Amino acid sequence: MTSPDGSAPSPRPETQWRGPSLRTVMIGIFVLGGLMAVQMHRAYVQGERVVQAVFPVMEEKGKSLDAEGCIDAVIAWHKQCDATAVMCNHGVKQAMYHCLKVQDRKEGCTQLPASESMDGKWVFLTCKERGTQCKRTKDCACADAYRAFDSFCRTDQKAVQL
């Protein structure tokens, strides 16, 4: 059968391929979302294990380290931390607490700048002086470690503000 102009007839609209159905697309989206959720959960669980595992290690190291030594140990751990970047960054303050809490740090606390002379930039200057300059102010393990030490001293060696 040919069309009036002599060419082959075009297929009827109901037989033309129109792509996947809405149902197929929605099923695909839900499956992909489910797989992403499972992967995110696995990454979270693994990251939590990595961060939690450093606490007893830092407690043991803290027995023989001064406050600067704790800062060095925590920065070294952060560099090789195998969790997500966010979890490693948040783990710095907790790791500092575990390193600091195992011995009296009064002597180290006296070496911090006096609170009336402190501004928010002292941590970045201190990190730069020690050769661990911060590239990003919000994600800086050195600055977070010094802030944790300062917080530890301000709470009479009882806590670190997270």
N, C-alpha and C. Protein backbone atom coordinates (compact mmCIF):
# COMPACT_ATOMS: atom_id res chain seq x y z
N MET A 1 0.84 -1.15 0.00
CA MET A 1 0.00 0.00 0.00
C MET A 1 0.90 1.23 0.00
N THR A 2 0.62 2.17 -0.86
CA THR A 2 1.40 3.39 -0.98
C THR A 2 0.52 4.58 -0.70
N SER A 3 1.17 5.67 -0.37
CA SER A 3 0.42 6.90 -0.11
C SER A 3 0.09 7.55 -1.42
N PRO A 4 -0.79 8.56 -1.44
CA PRO A 4 -1.21 9.19 -2.69
C PRO A 4 -0.05 9.77 -3.48
N ASP A 5 1.03 10.16 -2.85
CA ASP A 5 2.16 10.74 -3.61
C ASP A 5 3.13 9.67 -4.08
N GLY A 6 2.87 8.40 -3.78
CA GLY A 6 3.66 7.28 -4.26
C GLY A 6 4.75 6.84 -3.30
N SER A 7 4.90 7.47 -2.16
CA SER A 7 5.93 7.06 -1.20
C SER A 7 5.35 6.01 -0.26
N ALA A 8 6.25 5.42 0.51
CA ALA A 8 5.81 4.40 1.47
C ALA A 8 4.98 5.07 2.55
N PRO A 9 3.98 4.38 3.02
CA PRO A 9 3.13 4.99 4.05
C PRO A 9 3.90 5.15 5.36
N SER A 10 3.60 6.20 6.10
CA SER A 10 4.22 6.40 7.40
C SER A 10 3.51 5.49 8.41
N PRO A 11 4.27 5.02 9.42
CA PRO A 11 3.63 4.12 10.39
C PRO A 11 2.55 4.87 11.17
N ARG A 12 1.58 4.10 11.59
CA ARG A 12 0.51 4.71 12.38
C ARG A 12 1.09 5.22 13.69
N PRO A 13 0.55 6.29 14.26
CA PRO A 13 1.10 6.87 15.48
C PRO A 13 1.19 5.89 16.63
N GLU A 14 0.25 4.97 16.76
CA GLU A 14 0.29 4.05 17.89
C GLU A 14 1.38 3.01 17.75
N THR A 15 1.99 2.85 16.59
CA THR A 15 3.07 1.88 16.44
C THR A 15 4.45 2.54 16.47
N GLN A 16 4.53 3.85 16.52
CA GLN A 16 5.81 4.54 16.62
C GLN A 16 6.36 4.40 18.04
N TRP A 17 7.68 4.26 18.14
CA TRP A 17 8.29 4.15 19.45
C TRP A 17 8.31 5.52 20.09
N ARG A 18 7.79 5.61 21.31
CA ARG A 18 7.70 6.90 21.99
C ARG A 18 8.59 6.96 23.22
N GLY A 19 9.48 6.04 23.43
CA GLY A 19 10.35 6.06 24.59
C GLY A 19 9.77 5.24 25.72
N PRO A 20 10.49 5.21 26.84
CA PRO A 20 10.02 4.40 27.97
C PRO A 20 8.75 5.00 28.59
N SER A 21 7.97 4.16 29.16
CA SER A 21 6.74 4.63 29.79
C SER A 21 7.07 5.36 31.08
N LEU A 22 6.13 6.13 31.56
CA LEU A 22 6.31 6.85 32.81
C LEU A 22 6.57 5.86 33.95
N ARG A 23 5.90 4.75 33.93
CA ARG A 23 6.08 3.73 34.96
C ARG A 23 7.52 3.23 34.97
N THR A 24 8.08 2.96 33.81
CA THR A 24 9.46 2.49 33.71
C THR A 24 10.44 3.54 34.23
N VAL A 25 10.21 4.79 33.88
CA VAL A 25 11.07 5.87 34.34
C VAL A 25 11.00 6.00 35.86
N MET A 26 9.81 5.96 36.41
CA MET A 26 9.64 6.10 37.87
C MET A 26 10.27 4.92 38.61
N ILE A 27 10.10 3.72 38.10
CA ILE A 27 10.73 2.56 38.72
C ILE A 27 12.25 2.72 38.70
N GLY A 28 12.78 3.17 37.59
CA GLY A 28 14.22 3.39 37.48
C GLY A 28 14.72 4.43 38.48
N ILE A 29 13.96 5.51 38.65
CA ILE A 29 14.34 6.55 39.61
C ILE A 29 14.33 6.00 41.03
N PHE A 30 13.30 5.25 41.38
CA PHE A 30 13.22 4.68 42.73
C PHE A 30 14.33 3.67 43.00
N VAL A 31 14.64 2.85 42.02
CA VAL A 31 15.72 1.87 42.17
C VAL A 31 17.05 2.59 42.35
N LEU A 32 17.31 3.59 41.51
CA LEU A 32 18.55 4.35 41.61
C LEU A 32 18.63 5.08 42.96
N GLY A 33 17.54 5.67 43.40
CA GLY A 33 17.50 6.33 44.71
C GLY A 33 17.76 5.35 45.83
N GLY A 34 17.20 4.17 45.74
CA GLY A 34 17.43 3.15 46.77
C GLY A 34 18.88 2.71 46.81
N LEU A 35 19.48 2.51 45.65
CA LEU A 35 20.90 2.12 45.60
C LEU A 35 21.78 3.23 46.17
N MET A 36 21.46 4.47 45.88
CA MET A 36 22.23 5.59 46.42
C MET A 36 22.09 5.66 47.94
N ALA A 37 20.90 5.43 48.44
CA ALA A 37 20.67 5.45 49.89
C ALA A 37 21.47 4.35 50.58
N VAL A 38 21.50 3.17 50.00
CA VAL A 38 22.27 2.07 50.57
C VAL A 38 23.75 2.41 50.58
N GLN A 39 24.25 2.98 49.49
CA GLN A 39 25.67 3.35 49.41
C GLN A 39 26.01 4.44 50.43
N MET A 40 25.15 5.42 50.59
CA MET A 40 25.38 6.49 51.56
C MET A 40 25.39 5.93 52.98
N HIS A 41 24.51 5.00 53.25
CA HIS A 41 24.47 4.38 54.58
C HIS A 41 25.76 3.61 54.85
N ARG A 42 26.24 2.87 53.86
CA ARG A 42 27.49 2.13 54.02
C ARG A 42 28.66 3.08 54.28
N ALA A 43 28.71 4.19 53.53
CA ALA A 43 29.79 5.16 53.72
C ALA A 43 29.72 5.77 55.11
N TYR A 44 28.52 6.05 55.59
CA TYR A 44 28.35 6.61 56.93
C TYR A 44 28.81 5.63 57.99
N VAL A 45 28.39 4.40 57.88
CA VAL A 45 28.75 3.38 58.88
C VAL A 45 30.26 3.17 58.88
N GLN A 46 30.86 3.07 57.70
CA GLN A 46 32.31 2.89 57.62
C GLN A 46 33.04 4.10 58.20
N GLY A 47 32.58 5.30 57.88
CA GLY A 47 33.19 6.51 58.40
C GLY A 47 33.07 6.61 59.91
N GLU A 48 31.93 6.22 60.43
CA GLU A 48 31.73 6.24 61.88
C GLU A 48 32.70 5.28 62.56
N ARG A 49 32.93 4.12 61.96
CA ARG A 49 33.88 3.16 62.51
C ARG A 49 35.29 3.74 62.53
N VAL A 50 35.67 4.41 61.44
CA VAL A 50 37.00 5.00 61.34
C VAL A 50 37.20 6.05 62.42
N VAL A 51 36.23 6.93 62.58
CA VAL A 51 36.35 8.01 63.56
C VAL A 51 36.34 7.45 64.98
N GLN A 52 35.44 6.52 65.26
CA GLN A 52 35.38 5.94 66.61
C GLN A 52 36.65 5.17 66.95
N ALA A 53 37.28 4.56 65.96
CA ALA A 53 38.48 3.76 66.21
C ALA A 53 39.67 4.61 66.65
N VAL A 54 39.67 5.89 66.30
CA VAL A 54 40.82 6.73 66.66
C VAL A 54 40.78 7.15 68.13
N PHE A 55 39.63 7.13 68.77
CA PHE A 55 39.53 7.63 70.15
C PHE A 55 40.42 6.88 71.14
N PRO A 56 40.37 5.54 71.19
CA PRO A 56 41.27 4.85 72.12
C PRO A 56 42.75 5.04 71.75
N VAL A 57 43.03 5.16 70.46
CA VAL A 57 44.40 5.40 70.02
C VAL A 57 44.89 6.75 70.54
N MET A 58 44.04 7.77 70.43
CA MET A 58 44.41 9.10 70.91
C MET A 58 44.53 9.14 72.43
N GLU A 59 43.71 8.39 73.12
CA GLU A 59 43.83 8.33 74.58
C GLU A 59 45.18 7.74 74.98
N GLU A 60 45.59 6.71 74.28
CA GLU A 60 46.88 6.09 74.57
C GLU A 60 48.02 7.05 74.25
N LYS A 61 47.95 7.70 73.11
CA LYS A 61 49.00 8.66 72.74
C LYS A 61 49.03 9.84 73.69
N GLY A 62 47.87 10.27 74.14
CA GLY A 62 47.77 11.43 75.02
C GLY A 62 48.48 11.25 76.35
N LYS A 63 48.68 10.01 76.75
CA LYS A 63 49.37 9.74 78.02
C LYS A 63 50.82 10.22 77.99
N SER A 64 51.41 10.24 76.80
CA SER A 64 52.82 10.62 76.70
C SER A 64 53.06 11.91 75.92
N LEU A 65 52.01 12.52 75.40
CA LEU A 65 52.16 13.73 74.59
C LEU A 65 51.74 14.97 75.35
N ASP A 66 52.41 16.09 75.05
CA ASP A 66 51.91 17.37 75.54
C ASP A 66 50.82 17.83 74.58
N ALA A 67 50.25 18.99 74.83
CA ALA A 67 49.13 19.47 74.00
C ALA A 67 49.54 19.64 72.54
N GLU A 68 50.73 20.19 72.30
CA GLU A 68 51.21 20.34 70.92
C GLU A 68 51.38 18.97 70.26
N GLY A 69 51.82 18.00 71.03
CA GLY A 69 51.95 16.64 70.51
C GLY A 69 50.60 16.06 70.13
N CYS A 70 49.58 16.36 70.94
CA CYS A 70 48.22 15.92 70.59
C CYS A 70 47.76 16.56 69.29
N ILE A 71 48.06 17.84 69.15
CA ILE A 71 47.68 18.54 67.91
C ILE A 71 48.37 17.89 66.72
N ASP A 72 49.66 17.60 66.85
CA ASP A 72 50.39 16.93 65.77
C ASP A 72 49.78 15.56 65.45
N ALA A 73 49.46 14.79 66.49
CA ALA A 73 48.90 13.45 66.29
C ALA A 73 47.54 13.51 65.61
N VAL A 74 46.72 14.47 66.01
CA VAL A 74 45.39 14.58 65.40
C VAL A 74 45.50 15.04 63.95
N ILE A 75 46.39 15.97 63.67
CA ILE A 75 46.57 16.42 62.28
C ILE A 75 47.07 15.26 61.42
N ALA A 76 48.01 14.48 61.94
CA ALA A 76 48.51 13.32 61.20
C ALA A 76 47.39 12.32 60.93
N TRP A 77 46.54 12.07 61.94
CA TRP A 77 45.40 11.16 61.75
C TRP A 77 44.47 11.72 60.68
N HIS A 78 44.19 13.02 60.74
CA HIS A 78 43.27 13.64 59.78
C HIS A 78 43.77 13.49 58.35
N LYS A 79 45.08 13.60 58.15
CA LYS A 79 45.64 13.48 56.80
C LYS A 79 45.41 12.10 56.20
N GLN A 80 45.39 11.07 57.04
CA GLN A 80 45.20 9.70 56.52
C GLN A 80 43.82 9.15 56.83
N CYS A 81 42.92 9.98 57.34
CA CYS A 81 41.57 9.54 57.70
C CYS A 81 40.85 8.98 56.48
N ASP A 82 40.25 7.81 56.65
CA ASP A 82 39.63 7.10 55.54
C ASP A 82 38.10 7.20 55.54
N ALA A 83 37.56 8.17 56.26
CA ALA A 83 36.12 8.40 56.25
C ALA A 83 35.82 9.54 55.27
N THR A 84 34.57 9.96 55.19
CA THR A 84 34.26 11.10 54.35
C THR A 84 34.93 12.34 54.92
N ALA A 85 35.17 13.33 54.08
CA ALA A 85 35.85 14.56 54.52
C ALA A 85 35.11 15.22 55.68
N VAL A 86 33.80 15.26 55.59
CA VAL A 86 33.01 15.89 56.65
C VAL A 86 33.19 15.15 57.96
N MET A 87 33.16 13.83 57.93
CA MET A 87 33.31 13.04 59.15
C MET A 87 34.71 13.19 59.73
N CYS A 88 35.72 13.23 58.88
CA CYS A 88 37.09 13.42 59.37
C CYS A 88 37.24 14.81 59.99
N ASN A 89 36.67 15.82 59.34
CA ASN A 89 36.76 17.18 59.88
C ASN A 89 36.08 17.28 61.24
N HIS A 90 34.91 16.68 61.37
CA HIS A 90 34.21 16.71 62.66
C HIS A 90 34.91 15.85 63.71
N GLY A 91 35.64 14.84 63.28
CA GLY A 91 36.35 13.97 64.20
C GLY A 91 37.56 14.62 64.86
N VAL A 92 38.06 15.72 64.28
CA VAL A 92 39.26 16.37 64.83
C VAL A 92 39.03 16.81 66.27
N LYS A 93 37.94 17.49 66.54
CA LYS A 93 37.68 18.00 67.89
C LYS A 93 37.48 16.86 68.88
N GLN A 94 36.80 15.82 68.44
CA GLN A 94 36.58 14.67 69.32
C GLN A 94 37.90 13.95 69.60
N ALA A 95 38.71 13.79 68.57
CA ALA A 95 40.01 13.14 68.76
C ALA A 95 40.90 13.96 69.69
N MET A 96 40.85 15.28 69.55
CA MET A 96 41.62 16.15 70.45
C MET A 96 41.18 15.96 71.89
N TYR A 97 39.88 15.90 72.11
CA TYR A 97 39.39 15.70 73.47
C TYR A 97 39.94 14.41 74.07
N HIS A 98 39.90 13.34 73.30
CA HIS A 98 40.37 12.05 73.80
C HIS A 98 41.87 12.06 74.06
N CYS A 99 42.62 12.81 73.28
CA CYS A 99 44.06 12.91 73.52
C CYS A 99 44.36 13.77 74.74
N LEU A 100 43.63 14.85 74.90
CA LEU A 100 43.90 15.80 75.97
C LEU A 100 43.43 15.33 77.35
N LYS A 101 42.34 14.60 77.39
CA LYS A 101 41.68 14.31 78.67
C LYS A 101 42.46 13.37 79.59
N VAL A 102 43.45 12.67 79.08
CA VAL A 102 44.10 11.63 79.87
C VAL A 102 45.18 12.16 80.83
N GLN A 103 45.47 13.44 80.76
CA GLN A 103 46.40 14.01 81.73
C GLN A 103 46.11 15.50 81.93
N ASP A 104 46.66 16.04 82.99
CA ASP A 104 46.45 17.44 83.33
C ASP A 104 47.15 18.33 82.29
N ARG A 105 46.42 19.29 81.75
CA ARG A 105 46.96 20.16 80.70
C ARG A 105 47.09 21.62 81.15
N LYS A 106 47.12 21.87 82.46
CA LYS A 106 47.20 23.26 82.94
C LYS A 106 48.39 24.00 82.37
N GLU A 107 49.53 23.36 82.32
CA GLU A 107 50.73 24.01 81.80
C GLU A 107 50.54 24.42 80.34
N GLY A 108 50.00 23.53 79.53
CA GLY A 108 49.74 23.86 78.13
C GLY A 108 48.70 24.95 77.97
N CYS A 109 47.71 24.93 78.85
CA CYS A 109 46.65 25.95 78.78
C CYS A 109 47.20 27.35 79.04
N THR A 110 48.22 27.46 79.87
CA THR A 110 48.80 28.78 80.16
C THR A 110 49.55 29.34 78.96
N GLN A 111 49.90 28.50 78.00
CA GLN A 111 50.63 28.96 76.82
C GLN A 111 49.71 29.50 75.72
N LEU A 112 48.41 29.31 75.88
CA LEU A 112 47.47 29.86 74.91
C LEU A 112 47.39 31.37 75.08
N PRO A 113 47.04 32.09 74.01
CA PRO A 113 46.88 33.54 74.15
C PRO A 113 45.80 33.87 75.17
N ALA A 114 45.98 34.98 75.87
CA ALA A 114 44.98 35.41 76.85
C ALA A 114 43.68 35.72 76.13
N SER A 115 42.55 35.39 76.78
CA SER A 115 41.26 35.53 76.11
C SER A 115 40.96 36.97 75.68
N GLU A 116 41.42 37.96 76.43
CA GLU A 116 41.12 39.33 76.04
C GLU A 116 41.92 39.77 74.81
N SER A 117 43.05 39.11 74.55
CA SER A 117 43.85 39.47 73.38
C SER A 117 43.54 38.59 72.17
N MET A 118 42.68 37.62 72.34
CA MET A 118 42.37 36.69 71.26
C MET A 118 41.36 37.27 70.29
N ASP A 119 41.64 37.05 69.03
CA ASP A 119 40.61 37.25 68.02
C ASP A 119 40.52 35.92 67.26
N GLY A 120 39.64 35.84 66.33
CA GLY A 120 39.43 34.57 65.64
C GLY A 120 40.58 34.16 64.74
N LYS A 121 41.51 35.05 64.48
CA LYS A 121 42.58 34.76 63.53
C LYS A 121 43.81 34.11 64.15
N TRP A 122 43.89 34.07 65.47
CA TRP A 122 45.10 33.55 66.10
C TRP A 122 45.37 32.10 65.72
N VAL A 123 44.32 31.33 65.52
CA VAL A 123 44.53 29.92 65.18
C VAL A 123 45.17 29.79 63.80
N PHE A 124 44.76 30.63 62.86
CA PHE A 124 45.31 30.56 61.51
C PHE A 124 46.77 31.02 61.50
N LEU A 125 47.08 32.05 62.29
CA LEU A 125 48.47 32.52 62.39
C LEU A 125 49.34 31.46 63.04
N THR A 126 48.81 30.82 64.07
CA THR A 126 49.56 29.76 64.77
C THR A 126 49.81 28.58 63.82
N CYS A 127 48.80 28.21 63.06
CA CYS A 127 48.96 27.09 62.11
C CYS A 127 49.99 27.44 61.04
N LYS A 128 49.96 28.68 60.58
CA LYS A 128 50.93 29.11 59.57
C LYS A 128 52.35 29.06 60.14
N GLU A 129 52.53 29.51 61.38
CA GLU A 129 53.84 29.51 62.03
C GLU A 129 54.39 28.09 62.19
N ARG A 130 53.51 27.13 62.42
CA ARG A 130 53.97 25.75 62.65
C ARG A 130 54.09 24.96 61.35
N GLY A 131 53.79 25.60 60.20
CA GLY A 131 53.94 24.94 58.91
C GLY A 131 52.74 24.13 58.46
N THR A 132 51.61 24.32 59.11
CA THR A 132 50.38 23.61 58.70
C THR A 132 49.32 24.65 58.36
N GLN A 133 49.67 25.54 57.43
CA GLN A 133 48.78 26.63 57.07
C GLN A 133 47.46 26.12 56.52
N CYS A 134 46.40 26.83 56.87
CA CYS A 134 45.06 26.46 56.44
C CYS A 134 44.80 27.00 55.03
N LYS A 135 44.38 26.11 54.15
CA LYS A 135 44.01 26.54 52.80
C LYS A 135 42.57 27.04 52.77
N ARG A 136 41.72 26.38 53.53
CA ARG A 136 40.32 26.79 53.66
C ARG A 136 40.03 27.00 55.13
N THR A 137 39.48 28.14 55.46
CA THR A 137 39.28 28.46 56.88
C THR A 137 38.20 27.59 57.52
N LYS A 138 37.25 27.11 56.76
CA LYS A 138 36.18 26.32 57.36
C LYS A 138 36.55 24.85 57.51
N ASP A 139 37.47 24.37 56.73
CA ASP A 139 37.89 22.97 56.79
C ASP A 139 39.39 22.91 57.05
N CYS A 140 39.77 23.17 58.28
CA CYS A 140 41.20 23.21 58.61
C CYS A 140 41.42 22.41 59.89
N ALA A 141 42.05 21.26 59.75
CA ALA A 141 42.26 20.39 60.91
C ALA A 141 43.14 21.07 61.96
N CYS A 142 44.13 21.81 61.54
CA CYS A 142 45.01 22.49 62.49
C CYS A 142 44.22 23.50 63.32
N ALA A 143 43.46 24.35 62.64
CA ALA A 143 42.67 25.36 63.35
C ALA A 143 41.65 24.71 64.27
N ASP A 144 41.00 23.65 63.80
CA ASP A 144 40.02 22.95 64.64
C ASP A 144 40.69 22.33 65.86
N ALA A 145 41.92 21.82 65.69
CA ALA A 145 42.63 21.22 66.82
C ALA A 145 42.98 22.29 67.86
N TYR A 146 43.43 23.45 67.40
CA TYR A 146 43.74 24.52 68.35
C TYR A 146 42.47 25.04 69.02
N ARG A 147 41.40 25.14 68.26
CA ARG A 147 40.13 25.58 68.87
C ARG A 147 39.67 24.57 69.92
N ALA A 148 39.85 23.29 69.63
CA ALA A 148 39.46 22.25 70.60
C ALA A 148 40.31 22.37 71.85
N PHE A 149 41.59 22.61 71.70
CA PHE A 149 42.47 22.77 72.86
C PHE A 149 42.05 24.00 73.67
N ASP A 150 41.77 25.09 73.00
CA ASP A 150 41.31 26.29 73.69
C ASP A 150 40.00 26.02 74.44
N SER A 151 39.08 25.34 73.79
CA SER A 151 37.80 25.01 74.41
C SER A 151 38.00 24.10 75.62
N PHE A 152 38.90 23.14 75.50
CA PHE A 152 39.22 22.23 76.59
C PHE A 152 39.73 23.02 77.80
N CYS A 153 40.58 23.99 77.56
CA CYS A 153 41.12 24.81 78.65
C CYS A 153 40.05 25.70 79.27
N ARG A 154 39.19 26.26 78.45
CA ARG A 154 38.13 27.16 78.94
C ARG A 154 37.07 26.43 79.76
N THR A 155 36.93 25.14 79.56
CA THR A 155 35.95 24.36 80.33
C THR A 155 36.61 23.64 81.51
N ASP A 156 37.74 24.15 81.94
CA ASP A 156 38.48 23.54 83.05
C ASP A 156 38.82 22.06 82.77
N GLN A 157 39.18 21.79 81.54
CA GLN A 157 39.62 20.46 81.09
C GLN A 157 38.52 19.40 81.23
N LYS A 158 37.30 19.80 81.02
CA LYS A 158 36.18 18.86 81.15
C LYS A 158 35.53 18.51 79.81
N ALA A 159 35.66 19.37 78.80
CA ALA A 159 34.92 19.14 77.56
C ALA A 159 35.56 19.93 76.43
N VAL A 160 35.13 19.61 75.23
CA VAL A 160 35.46 20.36 74.02
C VAL A 160 34.16 20.66 73.32
N GLN A 161 33.96 21.93 73.03
CA GLN A 161 32.72 22.29 72.32
C GLN A 161 32.82 21.82 70.88
N LEU A 162 31.81 21.09 70.45
CA LEU A 162 31.80 20.57 69.08
C LEU A 162 31.12 21.52 68.19
